[in-house]
Amino acid sequence: GVVYFAVQDGVRVAAASGRSVKPDLVIGFSWGGCVGAWGAAQQQWTIPTILLAPTVNAVMRVALMGFPQVPPGVQIFHASNDGFCPNSQVAAFEKLGCTV
């Protein structure tokens, strides 16, 4: 419950900030990368999105969430053998059409 709502609140705050500031791109790192993945998946913004080591799998396990359906074109930077961002995320993001 709490982690799920924290992710959704992060998406809400990021989307509201984006509407106010009107940035050229979204960059998210770690927890912010997870929030960015969900925001992009929920189409809260359509500007270029870059995710750095997004902790999607780690958050999914705790929040009982499925993998976000991130739109193609999202750029993801992902290290190998990262304990919080397992290699299985790479295949999942690539399957969705993201560049990893």
Protein backbone atom coordinates (compact mmCIF):
# COMPACT_ATOMS: atom_id res chain seq x y z
CA GLY A 1 0.00 0.00 0.00
CA VAL A 2 2.37 2.75 1.15
CA VAL A 3 4.99 2.24 -1.58
CA TYR A 4 2.34 2.04 -4.31
CA PHE A 5 0.81 5.33 -3.15
CA ALA A 6 4.28 6.91 -2.83
CA VAL A 7 5.00 6.06 -6.49
CA GLN A 8 1.64 7.41 -7.62
CA ASP A 9 2.12 10.58 -5.56
CA GLY A 10 5.58 11.02 -7.10
CA VAL A 11 4.01 10.76 -10.55
CA ARG A 12 1.35 13.30 -9.56
CA VAL A 13 3.95 15.77 -8.25
CA ALA A 14 6.22 15.32 -11.30
CA ALA A 15 3.32 15.77 -13.73
CA ALA A 16 2.10 18.90 -11.93
CA SER A 17 5.63 20.34 -11.92
CA GLY A 18 5.97 19.55 -15.60
CA ARG A 19 2.76 21.38 -16.45
CA SER A 20 3.97 24.39 -14.46
CA VAL A 21 7.62 24.52 -15.54
CA LYS A 22 7.26 23.05 -19.06
CA PRO A 23 10.67 21.32 -19.21
CA ASP A 24 12.29 20.12 -22.42
CA LEU A 25 12.89 16.64 -21.01
CA VAL A 26 12.41 14.46 -17.93
CA ILE A 27 15.38 12.79 -16.22
CA GLY A 28 14.86 10.34 -13.37
CA PHE A 29 17.48 8.47 -11.33
CA SER A 30 16.90 5.44 -9.07
CA TRP A 31 13.56 6.04 -7.27
CA GLY A 32 13.00 9.00 -9.60
CA GLY A 33 13.66 6.67 -12.52
CA CYS A 34 10.90 4.40 -11.27
CA VAL A 35 8.56 7.38 -10.89
CA GLY A 36 9.60 8.53 -14.38
CA ALA A 37 8.85 5.10 -15.82
CA TRP A 38 5.35 5.14 -14.31
CA GLY A 39 4.71 8.74 -15.36
CA ALA A 40 5.72 7.96 -18.93
CA ALA A 41 3.64 4.77 -18.87
CA GLN A 42 0.60 6.73 -17.67
CA GLN A 43 1.24 9.32 -20.41
CA GLN A 44 1.55 12.11 -17.86
CA TRP A 45 4.02 13.73 -20.26
CA THR A 46 5.11 13.17 -23.85
CA ILE A 47 8.46 14.97 -23.80
CA PRO A 48 11.72 13.01 -24.09
CA THR A 49 12.39 10.92 -20.99
CA ILE A 50 15.71 9.57 -19.74
CA LEU A 51 15.83 7.07 -16.88
CA LEU A 52 19.08 6.38 -15.05
CA ALA A 53 19.18 3.08 -13.12
CA PRO A 54 15.41 3.05 -12.55
CA THR A 55 14.55 0.82 -9.56
CA VAL A 56 11.41 -0.55 -11.22
CA ASN A 57 11.81 -4.23 -10.25
CA ALA A 58 12.71 -3.44 -6.63
CA VAL A 59 9.70 -1.15 -6.25
CA MET A 60 7.40 -3.59 -8.07
CA ARG A 61 8.18 -6.32 -5.54
CA VAL A 62 7.41 -4.13 -2.54
CA ALA A 63 4.43 -2.27 -4.04
CA LEU A 64 2.87 -5.35 -5.68
CA MET A 65 2.77 -3.51 -9.01
CA GLY A 66 3.20 -4.88 -12.51
CA PHE A 67 5.89 -3.67 -14.89
CA PRO A 68 5.00 -0.21 -16.26
CA GLN A 69 4.16 -0.16 -19.96
CA VAL A 70 6.72 2.50 -20.79
CA PRO A 71 6.23 3.90 -24.29
CA PRO A 72 8.87 3.28 -26.97
CA GLY A 73 11.50 5.97 -27.23
CA VAL A 74 12.23 6.32 -23.53
CA GLN A 75 16.02 6.22 -23.08
CA ILE A 76 17.27 4.05 -20.21
CA PHE A 77 20.80 3.87 -18.83
CA HIS A 78 21.30 0.65 -16.91
CA ALA A 79 24.45 -0.87 -15.38
CA SER A 80 25.07 -4.62 -15.48
CA ASN A 81 24.73 -6.61 -12.26
CA ASP A 82 23.07 -3.81 -10.28
CA GLY A 83 21.41 -5.28 -7.18
CA PHE A 84 18.49 -2.85 -7.32
CA CYS A 85 18.11 -2.86 -11.12
CA PRO A 86 18.50 -6.49 -12.23
CA ASN A 87 19.42 -7.45 -15.76
CA SER A 88 15.87 -8.78 -16.28
CA GLN A 89 14.73 -5.15 -16.42
CA VAL A 90 16.80 -4.63 -19.56
CA ALA A 91 14.88 -7.30 -21.47
CA ALA A 92 11.54 -5.98 -20.19
CA PHE A 93 12.33 -2.40 -21.26
CA GLU A 94 13.70 -3.53 -24.64
CA LYS A 95 10.56 -5.59 -25.26
CA LEU A 96 8.55 -2.38 -24.85
CA GLY A 97 10.69 -0.62 -27.49
CA CYS A 98 12.83 1.43 -25.12
CA THR A 99 16.48 2.06 -25.84
CA VAL A 100 18.61 0.57 -23.05
